[in-house]
Amino acid sequence: MKDNYSFNTRLRCIVCGSEDNFECNEDKSYIKCMNCGKEYFGGYDELVECNQELIEEAKELVVDEIGKDLQKDIKNLFKNASKGNKFIKFN
């Protein structure tokens, strides 16, 4: 299994869907979409809250990948544990 599972999700403007056209102040307490002019007065936290669906999708992808890797590792563990035994076979 990998030591680190990470996915990058780009936050989107809830009005126009722009992903890379934001302007913000230094502490990210205010964000403005430069494409449509939507202002997020809650800053980064508000933008994250508005993008929960995208974040959940990325989380599901990570969970699926971890599950597949875990199944693969367990299968290999049992294969190696029963190596040399002609009565136990794994496909």
PDB file of N, CA and C in Angstrom:
ATOM      1  N   MET A   1       0.827  -1.178   0.000  1.00  0.00           N
ATOM      2  CA  MET A   1       0.000   0.000   0.000  1.00  0.00           C
ATOM      3  C   MET A   1       0.874   1.244   0.000  1.00  0.00           C
ATOM      4  N   LYS A   2       0.368   2.288  -0.617  1.00  0.00           N
ATOM      5  CA  LYS A   2       1.109   3.535  -0.640  1.00  0.00           C
ATOM      6  C   LYS A   2       1.099   4.177   0.748  1.00  0.00           C
ATOM      7  N   ASP A   3       2.099   4.987   0.996  1.00  0.00           N
ATOM      8  CA  ASP A   3       2.161   5.712   2.265  1.00  0.00           C
ATOM      9  C   ASP A   3       1.317   6.974   2.241  1.00  0.00           C
ATOM     10  N   ASN A   4       1.093   7.513   1.054  1.00  0.00           N
ATOM     11  CA  ASN A   4       0.402   8.790   0.958  1.00  0.00           C
ATOM     12  C   ASN A   4      -0.601   8.749  -0.186  1.00  0.00           C
ATOM     13  N   TYR A   5      -1.838   9.020   0.130  1.00  0.00           N
ATOM     14  CA  TYR A   5      -2.884   9.127  -0.876  1.00  0.00           C
ATOM     15  C   TYR A   5      -3.352  10.572  -0.895  1.00  0.00           C
ATOM     16  N   SER A   6      -3.232  11.222  -2.029  1.00  0.00           N
ATOM     17  CA  SER A   6      -3.689  12.603  -2.093  1.00  0.00           C
ATOM     18  C   SER A   6      -4.295  12.899  -3.462  1.00  0.00           C
ATOM     19  N   PHE A   7      -5.309  13.701  -3.447  1.00  0.00           N
ATOM     20  CA  PHE A   7      -5.948  14.174  -4.660  1.00  0.00           C
ATOM     21  C   PHE A   7      -6.082  15.682  -4.536  1.00  0.00           C
ATOM     22  N   ASN A   8      -5.888  16.372  -5.615  1.00  0.00           N
ATOM     23  CA  ASN A   8      -6.067  17.816  -5.626  1.00  0.00           C
ATOM     24  C   ASN A   8      -7.424  18.127  -6.238  1.00  0.00           C
ATOM     25  N   THR A   9      -8.178  18.958  -5.552  1.00  0.00           N
ATOM     26  CA  THR A   9      -9.462  19.405  -6.053  1.00  0.00           C
ATOM     27  C   THR A   9      -9.422  20.908  -6.175  1.00  0.00           C
ATOM     28  N   ARG A  10      -9.748  21.400  -7.340  1.00  0.00           N
ATOM     29  CA  ARG A  10      -9.766  22.844  -7.557  1.00  0.00           C
ATOM     30  C   ARG A  10     -11.144  23.368  -7.179  1.00  0.00           C
ATOM     31  N   LEU A  11     -11.154  24.378  -6.340  1.00  0.00           N
ATOM     32  CA  LEU A  11     -12.410  24.987  -5.937  1.00  0.00           C
ATOM     33  C   LEU A  11     -12.969  25.811  -7.092  1.00  0.00           C
ATOM     34  N   ARG A  12     -14.299  25.804  -7.216  1.00  0.00           N
ATOM     35  CA  ARG A  12     -14.967  26.499  -8.317  1.00  0.00           C
ATOM     36  C   ARG A  12     -15.886  27.589  -7.786  1.00  0.00           C
ATOM     37  N   CYS A  13     -16.051  28.603  -8.593  1.00  0.00           N
ATOM     38  CA  CYS A  13     -17.034  29.634  -8.292  1.00  0.00           C
ATOM     39  C   CYS A  13     -18.424  29.010  -8.451  1.00  0.00           C
ATOM     40  N   ILE A  14     -19.322  29.278  -7.510  1.00  0.00           N
ATOM     41  CA  ILE A  14     -20.652  28.674  -7.585  1.00  0.00           C
ATOM     42  C   ILE A  14     -21.536  29.330  -8.641  1.00  0.00           C
ATOM     43  N   VAL A  15     -21.137  30.482  -9.136  1.00  0.00           N
ATOM     44  CA  VAL A  15     -21.935  31.179 -10.145  1.00  0.00           C
ATOM     45  C   VAL A  15     -21.497  30.795 -11.553  1.00  0.00           C
ATOM     46  N   CYS A  16     -20.210  30.945 -11.859  1.00  0.00           N
ATOM     47  CA  CYS A  16     -19.746  30.741 -13.238  1.00  0.00           C
ATOM     48  C   CYS A  16     -18.924  29.464 -13.432  1.00  0.00           C
ATOM     49  N   GLY A  17     -18.488  28.835 -12.351  1.00  0.00           N
ATOM     50  CA  GLY A  17     -17.717  27.604 -12.469  1.00  0.00           C
ATOM     51  C   GLY A  17     -16.235  27.808 -12.699  1.00  0.00           C
ATOM     52  N   SER A  18     -15.791  29.040 -12.654  1.00  0.00           N
ATOM     53  CA  SER A  18     -14.367  29.334 -12.856  1.00  0.00           C
ATOM     54  C   SER A  18     -13.539  28.704 -11.740  1.00  0.00           C
ATOM     55  N   GLU A  19     -12.391  28.151 -12.114  1.00  0.00           N
ATOM     56  CA  GLU A  19     -11.532  27.479 -11.138  1.00  0.00           C
ATOM     57  C   GLU A  19     -10.255  28.240 -10.818  1.00  0.00           C
ATOM     58  N   ASP A  20      -9.873  29.154 -11.649  1.00  0.00           N
ATOM     59  CA  ASP A  20      -8.548  29.746 -11.469  1.00  0.00           C
ATOM     60  C   ASP A  20      -8.523  31.262 -11.620  1.00  0.00           C
ATOM     61  N   ASN A  21      -9.641  31.883 -11.441  1.00  0.00           N
ATOM     62  CA  ASN A  21      -9.694  33.317 -11.648  1.00  0.00           C
ATOM     63  C   ASN A  21     -10.200  34.026 -10.394  1.00  0.00           C
ATOM     64  N   PHE A  22      -9.523  33.781  -9.253  1.00  0.00           N
ATOM     65  CA  PHE A  22      -9.922  34.365  -7.979  1.00  0.00           C
ATOM     66  C   PHE A  22      -8.899  35.399  -7.519  1.00  0.00           C
ATOM     67  N   GLU A  23      -9.404  36.384  -6.830  1.00  0.00           N
ATOM     68  CA  GLU A  23      -8.553  37.383  -6.193  1.00  0.00           C
ATOM     69  C   GLU A  23      -8.893  37.360  -4.710  1.00  0.00           C
ATOM     70  N   CYS A  24      -7.880  37.415  -3.860  1.00  0.00           N
ATOM     71  CA  CYS A  24      -8.154  37.377  -2.430  1.00  0.00           C
ATOM     72  C   CYS A  24      -7.175  38.271  -1.675  1.00  0.00           C
ATOM     73  N   ASN A  25      -7.543  38.560  -0.422  1.00  0.00           N
ATOM     74  CA  ASN A  25      -6.626  39.324   0.418  1.00  0.00           C
ATOM     75  C   ASN A  25      -5.595  38.357   1.020  1.00  0.00           C
ATOM     76  N   GLU A  26      -4.665  38.880   1.799  1.00  0.00           N
ATOM     77  CA  GLU A  26      -3.548  38.071   2.297  1.00  0.00           C
ATOM     78  C   GLU A  26      -3.983  36.892   3.154  1.00  0.00           C
ATOM     79  N   ASP A  27      -4.956  37.093   4.041  1.00  0.00           N
ATOM     80  CA  ASP A  27      -5.359  36.005   4.938  1.00  0.00           C
ATOM     81  C   ASP A  27      -6.544  35.194   4.398  1.00  0.00           C
ATOM     82  N   LYS A  28      -6.914  35.435   3.149  1.00  0.00           N
ATOM     83  CA  LYS A  28      -7.982  34.712   2.447  1.00  0.00           C
ATOM     84  C   LYS A  28      -9.328  34.806   3.168  1.00  0.00           C
ATOM     85  N   SER A  29      -9.566  35.924   3.862  1.00  0.00           N
ATOM     86  CA  SER A  29     -10.853  36.125   4.521  1.00  0.00           C
ATOM     87  C   SER A  29     -11.866  36.763   3.566  1.00  0.00           C
ATOM     88  N   TYR A  30     -11.420  37.152   2.385  1.00  0.00           N
ATOM     89  CA  TYR A  30     -12.277  37.705   1.351  1.00  0.00           C
ATOM     90  C   TYR A  30     -11.764  37.198   0.008  1.00  0.00           C
ATOM     91  N   ILE A  31     -12.670  36.654  -0.790  1.00  0.00           N
ATOM     92  CA  ILE A  31     -12.306  36.150  -2.121  1.00  0.00           C
ATOM     93  C   ILE A  31     -13.323  36.677  -3.120  1.00  0.00           C
ATOM     94  N   LYS A  32     -12.835  37.043  -4.295  1.00  0.00           N
ATOM     95  CA  LYS A  32     -13.714  37.521  -5.363  1.00  0.00           C
ATOM     96  C   LYS A  32     -13.368  36.785  -6.643  1.00  0.00           C
ATOM     97  N   CYS A  33     -14.397  36.292  -7.324  1.00  0.00           N
ATOM     98  CA  CYS A  33     -14.205  35.678  -8.639  1.00  0.00           C
ATOM     99  C   CYS A  33     -14.058  36.802  -9.645  1.00  0.00           C
ATOM    100  N   MET A  34     -12.961  36.828 -10.332  1.00  0.00           N
ATOM    101  CA  MET A  34     -12.700  37.887 -11.296  1.00  0.00           C
ATOM    102  C   MET A  34     -13.445  37.649 -12.617  1.00  0.00           C
ATOM    103  N   ASN A  35     -13.970  36.449 -12.806  1.00  0.00           N
ATOM    104  CA  ASN A  35     -14.696  36.119 -14.022  1.00  0.00           C
ATOM    105  C   ASN A  35     -16.114  36.694 -13.998  1.00  0.00           C
ATOM    106  N   CYS A  36     -16.832  36.489 -12.877  1.00  0.00           N
ATOM    107  CA  CYS A  36     -18.227  36.931 -12.813  1.00  0.00           C
ATOM    108  C   CYS A  36     -18.475  38.009 -11.758  1.00  0.00           C
ATOM    109  N   GLY A  37     -17.510  38.231 -10.870  1.00  0.00           N
ATOM    110  CA  GLY A  37     -17.655  39.260  -9.847  1.00  0.00           C
ATOM    111  C   GLY A  37     -18.258  38.779  -8.539  1.00  0.00           C
ATOM    112  N   LYS A  38     -18.558  37.488  -8.414  1.00  0.00           N
ATOM    113  CA  LYS A  38     -19.120  36.950  -7.169  1.00  0.00           C
ATOM    114  C   LYS A  38     -18.122  37.155  -6.040  1.00  0.00           C
ATOM    115  N   GLU A  39     -18.615  37.673  -4.908  1.00  0.00           N
ATOM    116  CA  GLU A  39     -17.764  37.926  -3.756  1.00  0.00           C
ATOM    117  C   GLU A  39     -18.094  36.935  -2.657  1.00  0.00           C
ATOM    118  N   TYR A  40     -17.076  36.371  -2.083  1.00  0.00           N
ATOM    119  CA  TYR A  40     -17.214  35.436  -0.971  1.00  0.00           C
ATOM    120  C   TYR A  40     -16.697  36.157   0.277  1.00  0.00           C
ATOM    121  N   PHE A  41     -17.636  36.745   1.039  1.00  0.00           N
ATOM    122  CA  PHE A  41     -17.254  37.526   2.208  1.00  0.00           C
ATOM    123  C   PHE A  41     -16.784  36.627   3.350  1.00  0.00           C
ATOM    124  N   GLY A  42     -17.127  35.351   3.281  1.00  0.00           N
ATOM    125  CA  GLY A  42     -16.626  34.381   4.261  1.00  0.00           C
ATOM    126  C   GLY A  42     -15.248  33.867   3.877  1.00  0.00           C
ATOM    127  N   GLY A  43     -14.752  34.294   2.745  1.00  0.00           N
ATOM    128  CA  GLY A  43     -13.413  33.941   2.300  1.00  0.00           C
ATOM    129  C   GLY A  43     -13.279  32.491   1.896  1.00  0.00           C
ATOM    130  N   TYR A  44     -12.108  31.967   2.176  1.00  0.00           N
ATOM    131  CA  TYR A  44     -11.763  30.599   1.783  1.00  0.00           C
ATOM    132  C   TYR A  44     -12.729  29.582   2.390  1.00  0.00           C
ATOM    133  N   ASP A  45     -13.116  29.791   3.646  1.00  0.00           N
ATOM    134  CA  ASP A  45     -14.028  28.849   4.306  1.00  0.00           C
ATOM    135  C   ASP A  45     -15.373  28.779   3.593  1.00  0.00           C
ATOM    136  N   GLU A  46     -15.881  29.918   3.155  1.00  0.00           N
ATOM    137  CA  GLU A  46     -17.152  29.943   2.425  1.00  0.00           C
ATOM    138  C   GLU A  46     -17.021  29.230   1.081  1.00  0.00           C
ATOM    139  N   LEU A  47     -15.913  29.445   0.396  1.00  0.00           N
ATOM    140  CA  LEU A  47     -15.684  28.803  -0.893  1.00  0.00           C
ATOM    141  C   LEU A  47     -15.585  27.283  -0.735  1.00  0.00           C
ATOM    142  N   VAL A  48     -14.919  26.843   0.310  1.00  0.00           N
ATOM    143  CA  VAL A  48     -14.831  25.403   0.596  1.00  0.00           C
ATOM    144  C   VAL A  48     -16.223  24.847   0.890  1.00  0.00           C
ATOM    145  N   GLU A  49     -16.999  25.555   1.674  1.00  0.00           N
ATOM    146  CA  GLU A  49     -18.352  25.108   2.010  1.00  0.00           C
ATOM    147  C   GLU A  49     -19.220  24.990   0.754  1.00  0.00           C
ATOM    148  N   CYS A  50     -19.066  25.923  -0.169  1.00  0.00           N
ATOM    149  CA  CYS A  50     -19.835  25.897  -1.412  1.00  0.00           C
ATOM    150  C   CYS A  50     -19.396  24.756  -2.335  1.00  0.00           C
ATOM    151  N   ASN A  51     -18.206  24.233  -2.138  1.00  0.00           N
ATOM    152  CA  ASN A  51     -17.656  23.178  -2.998  1.00  0.00           C
ATOM    153  C   ASN A  51     -17.636  21.816  -2.322  1.00  0.00           C
ATOM    154  N   GLN A  52     -18.485  21.598  -1.333  1.00  0.00           N
ATOM    155  CA  GLN A  52     -18.490  20.334  -0.605  1.00  0.00           C
ATOM    156  C   GLN A  52     -18.741  19.131  -1.511  1.00  0.00           C
ATOM    157  N   GLU A  53     -19.539  19.291  -2.550  1.00  0.00           N
ATOM    158  CA  GLU A  53     -19.813  18.181  -3.465  1.00  0.00           C
ATOM    159  C   GLU A  53     -18.530  17.718  -4.159  1.00  0.00           C
ATOM    160  N   LEU A  54     -17.719  18.662  -4.629  1.00  0.00           N
ATOM    161  CA  LEU A  54     -16.442  18.317  -5.271  1.00  0.00           C
ATOM    162  C   LEU A  54     -15.489  17.655  -4.277  1.00  0.00           C
ATOM    163  N   ILE A  55     -15.475  18.163  -3.067  1.00  0.00           N
ATOM    164  CA  ILE A  55     -14.599  17.610  -2.036  1.00  0.00           C
ATOM    165  C   ILE A  55     -15.025  16.192  -1.687  1.00  0.00           C
ATOM    166  N   GLU A  56     -16.333  15.944  -1.602  1.00  0.00           N
ATOM    167  CA  GLU A  56     -16.837  14.596  -1.313  1.00  0.00           C
ATOM    168  C   GLU A  56     -16.486  13.626  -2.439  1.00  0.00           C
ATOM    169  N   GLU A  57     -16.552  14.083  -3.694  1.00  0.00           N
ATOM    170  CA  GLU A  57     -16.180  13.233  -4.826  1.00  0.00           C
ATOM    171  C   GLU A  57     -14.709  12.832  -4.740  1.00  0.00           C
ATOM    172  N   ALA A  58     -13.848  13.783  -4.410  1.00  0.00           N
ATOM    173  CA  ALA A  58     -12.420  13.487  -4.272  1.00  0.00           C
ATOM    174  C   ALA A  58     -12.198  12.523  -3.109  1.00  0.00           C
ATOM    175  N   LYS A  59     -12.936  12.711  -2.032  1.00  0.00           N
ATOM    176  CA  LYS A  59     -12.813  11.820  -0.873  1.00  0.00           C
ATOM    177  C   LYS A  59     -13.222  10.391  -1.242  1.00  0.00           C
ATOM    178  N   GLU A  60     -14.291  10.254  -2.020  1.00  0.00           N
ATOM    179  CA  GLU A  60     -14.729   8.924  -2.463  1.00  0.00           C
ATOM    180  C   GLU A  60     -13.674   8.260  -3.344  1.00  0.00           C
ATOM    181  N   LEU A  61     -13.029   9.035  -4.202  1.00  0.00           N
ATOM    182  CA  LEU A  61     -11.961   8.482  -5.040  1.00  0.00           C
ATOM    183  C   LEU A  61     -10.808   7.952  -4.190  1.00  0.00           C
ATOM    184  N   VAL A  62     -10.442   8.697  -3.163  1.00  0.00           N
ATOM    185  CA  VAL A  62      -9.359   8.269  -2.271  1.00  0.00           C
ATOM    186  C   VAL A  62      -9.758   6.992  -1.539  1.00  0.00           C
ATOM    187  N   VAL A  63     -10.987   6.950  -1.019  1.00  0.00           N
ATOM    188  CA  VAL A  63     -11.454   5.772  -0.290  1.00  0.00           C
ATOM    189  C   VAL A  63     -11.483   4.555  -1.212  1.00  0.00           C
ATOM    190  N   ASP A  64     -11.947   4.730  -2.447  1.00  0.00           N
ATOM    191  CA  ASP A  64     -11.976   3.618  -3.411  1.00  0.00           C
ATOM    192  C   ASP A  64     -10.567   3.111  -3.705  1.00  0.00           C
ATOM    193  N   GLU A  65      -9.631   4.033  -3.909  1.00  0.00           N
ATOM    194  CA  GLU A  65      -8.259   3.639  -4.212  1.00  0.00           C
ATOM    195  C   GLU A  65      -7.622   2.912  -3.027  1.00  0.00           C
ATOM    196  N   ILE A  66      -7.863   3.398  -1.833  1.00  0.00           N
ATOM    197  CA  ILE A  66      -7.334   2.731  -0.637  1.00  0.00           C
ATOM    198  C   ILE A  66      -7.928   1.337  -0.508  1.00  0.00           C
ATOM    199  N   GLY A  67      -9.230   1.206  -0.761  1.00  0.00           N
ATOM    200  CA  GLY A  67      -9.890  -0.102  -0.684  1.00  0.00           C
ATOM    201  C   GLY A  67      -9.308  -1.096  -1.674  1.00  0.00           C
ATOM    202  N   LYS A  68      -9.081  -0.651  -2.907  1.00  0.00           N
ATOM    203  CA  LYS A  68      -8.505  -1.533  -3.926  1.00  0.00           C
ATOM    204  C   LYS A  68      -7.084  -1.953  -3.545  1.00  0.00           C
ATOM    205  N   ASP A  69      -6.290  -1.004  -3.074  1.00  0.00           N
ATOM    206  CA  ASP A  69      -4.922  -1.321  -2.672  1.00  0.00           C
ATOM    207  C   ASP A  69      -4.904  -2.264  -1.472  1.00  0.00           C
ATOM    208  N   LEU A  70      -5.819  -2.068  -0.552  1.00  0.00           N
ATOM    209  CA  LEU A  70      -5.892  -2.922   0.627  1.00  0.00           C
ATOM    210  C   LEU A  70      -6.275  -4.354   0.240  1.00  0.00           C
ATOM    211  N   GLN A  71      -7.249  -4.500  -0.661  1.00  0.00           N
ATOM    212  CA  GLN A  71      -7.633  -5.827  -1.145  1.00  0.00           C
ATOM    213  C   GLN A  71      -6.452  -6.526  -1.814  1.00  0.00           C
ATOM    214  N   LYS A  72      -5.742  -5.776  -2.626  1.00  0.00           N
ATOM    215  CA  LYS A  72      -4.577  -6.321  -3.328  1.00  0.00           C
ATOM    216  C   LYS A  72      -3.503  -6.770  -2.334  1.00  0.00           C
ATOM    217  N   ASP A  73      -3.245  -5.945  -1.322  1.00  0.00           N
ATOM    218  CA  ASP A  73      -2.232  -6.288  -0.323  1.00  0.00           C
ATOM    219  C   ASP A  73      -2.631  -7.508   0.504  1.00  0.00           C
ATOM    220  N   ILE A  74      -3.899  -7.607   0.867  1.00  0.00           N
ATOM    221  CA  ILE A  74      -4.370  -8.761   1.645  1.00  0.00           C
ATOM    222  C   ILE A  74      -4.281 -10.031   0.809  1.00  0.00           C
ATOM    223  N   LYS A  75      -4.656  -9.932  -0.456  1.00  0.00           N
ATOM    224  CA  LYS A  75      -4.569 -11.099  -1.349  1.00  0.00           C
ATOM    225  C   LYS A  75      -3.117 -11.562  -1.460  1.00  0.00           C
ATOM    226  N   ASN A  76      -2.197 -10.622  -1.643  1.00  0.00           N
ATOM    227  CA  ASN A  76      -0.778 -10.975  -1.736  1.00  0.00           C
ATOM    228  C   ASN A  76      -0.263 -11.555  -0.422  1.00  0.00           C
ATOM    229  N   LEU A  77      -0.752 -11.039   0.690  1.00  0.00           N
ATOM    230  CA  LEU A  77      -0.352 -11.550   2.002  1.00  0.00           C
ATOM    231  C   LEU A  77      -0.746 -13.021   2.141  1.00  0.00           C
ATOM    232  N   PHE A  78      -1.999 -13.344   1.779  1.00  0.00           N
ATOM    233  CA  PHE A  78      -2.448 -14.732   1.858  1.00  0.00           C
ATOM    234  C   PHE A  78      -1.731 -15.630   0.859  1.00  0.00           C
ATOM    235  N   LYS A  79      -1.454 -15.097  -0.330  1.00  0.00           N
ATOM    236  CA  LYS A  79      -0.711 -15.871  -1.323  1.00  0.00           C
ATOM    237  C   LYS A  79       0.669 -16.246  -0.790  1.00  0.00           C
ATOM    238  N   ASN A  80       1.348 -15.268  -0.229  1.00  0.00           N
ATOM    239  CA  ASN A  80       2.690 -15.519   0.299  1.00  0.00           C
ATOM    240  C   ASN A  80       2.662 -16.420   1.522  1.00  0.00           C
ATOM    241  N   ALA A  81       1.618 -16.318   2.336  1.00  0.00           N
ATOM    242  CA  ALA A  81       1.523 -17.149   3.537  1.00  0.00           C
ATOM    243  C   ALA A  81       1.275 -18.620   3.181  1.00  0.00           C
ATOM    244  N   SER A  82       0.583 -18.848   2.068  1.00  0.00           N
ATOM    245  CA  SER A  82       0.269 -20.227   1.697  1.00  0.00           C
ATOM    246  C   SER A  82       1.201 -20.751   0.607  1.00  0.00           C
ATOM    247  N   LYS A  83       2.268 -20.041   0.340  1.00  0.00           N
ATOM    248  CA  LYS A  83       3.218 -20.451  -0.690  1.00  0.00           C
ATOM    249  C   LYS A  83       3.798 -21.825  -0.324  1.00  0.00           C
ATOM    250  N   GLY A  84       3.799 -22.699  -1.289  1.00  0.00           N
ATOM    251  CA  GLY A  84       4.336 -24.035  -1.074  1.00  0.00           C
ATOM    252  C   GLY A  84       3.272 -25.043  -0.648  1.00  0.00           C
ATOM    253  N   ASN A  85       2.074 -24.601  -0.329  1.00  0.00           N
ATOM    254  CA  ASN A  85       0.996 -25.486   0.047  1.00  0.00           C
ATOM    255  C   ASN A  85       0.175 -25.785  -1.209  1.00  0.00           C
ATOM    256  N   LYS A  86       0.150 -27.062  -1.620  1.00  0.00           N
ATOM    257  CA  LYS A  86      -0.520 -27.413  -2.867  1.00  0.00           C
ATOM    258  C   LYS A  86      -2.031 -27.526  -2.722  1.00  0.00           C
ATOM    259  N   PHE A  87      -2.557 -27.433  -1.494  1.00  0.00           N
ATOM    260  CA  PHE A  87      -3.995 -27.564  -1.267  1.00  0.00           C
ATOM    261  C   PHE A  87      -4.716 -26.212  -1.234  1.00  0.00           C
ATOM    262  N   ILE A  88      -3.986 -25.138  -1.100  1.00  0.00           N
ATOM    263  CA  ILE A  88      -4.587 -23.800  -1.057  1.00  0.00           C
ATOM    264  C   ILE A  88      -4.133 -23.010  -2.273  1.00  0.00           C
ATOM    265  N   LYS A  89      -5.111 -22.540  -3.041  1.00  0.00           N
ATOM    266  CA  LYS A  89      -4.805 -21.754  -4.249  1.00  0.00           C
ATOM    267  C   LYS A  89      -5.651 -20.485  -4.245  1.00  0.00           C
ATOM    268  N   PHE A  90      -5.048 -19.385  -4.693  1.00  0.00           N
ATOM    269  CA  PHE A  90      -5.752 -18.120  -4.851  1.00  0.00           C
ATOM    270  C   PHE A  90      -5.677 -17.707  -6.305  1.00  0.00           C
ATOM    271  N   ASN A  91      -6.795 -17.198  -6.812  1.00  0.00           N
ATOM    272  CA  ASN A  91      -6.856 -16.719  -8.194  1.00  0.00           C
ATOM    273  C   ASN A  91      -6.750 -15.227  -8.243  1.00  0.00           C
TER     274      ASN A  91
END
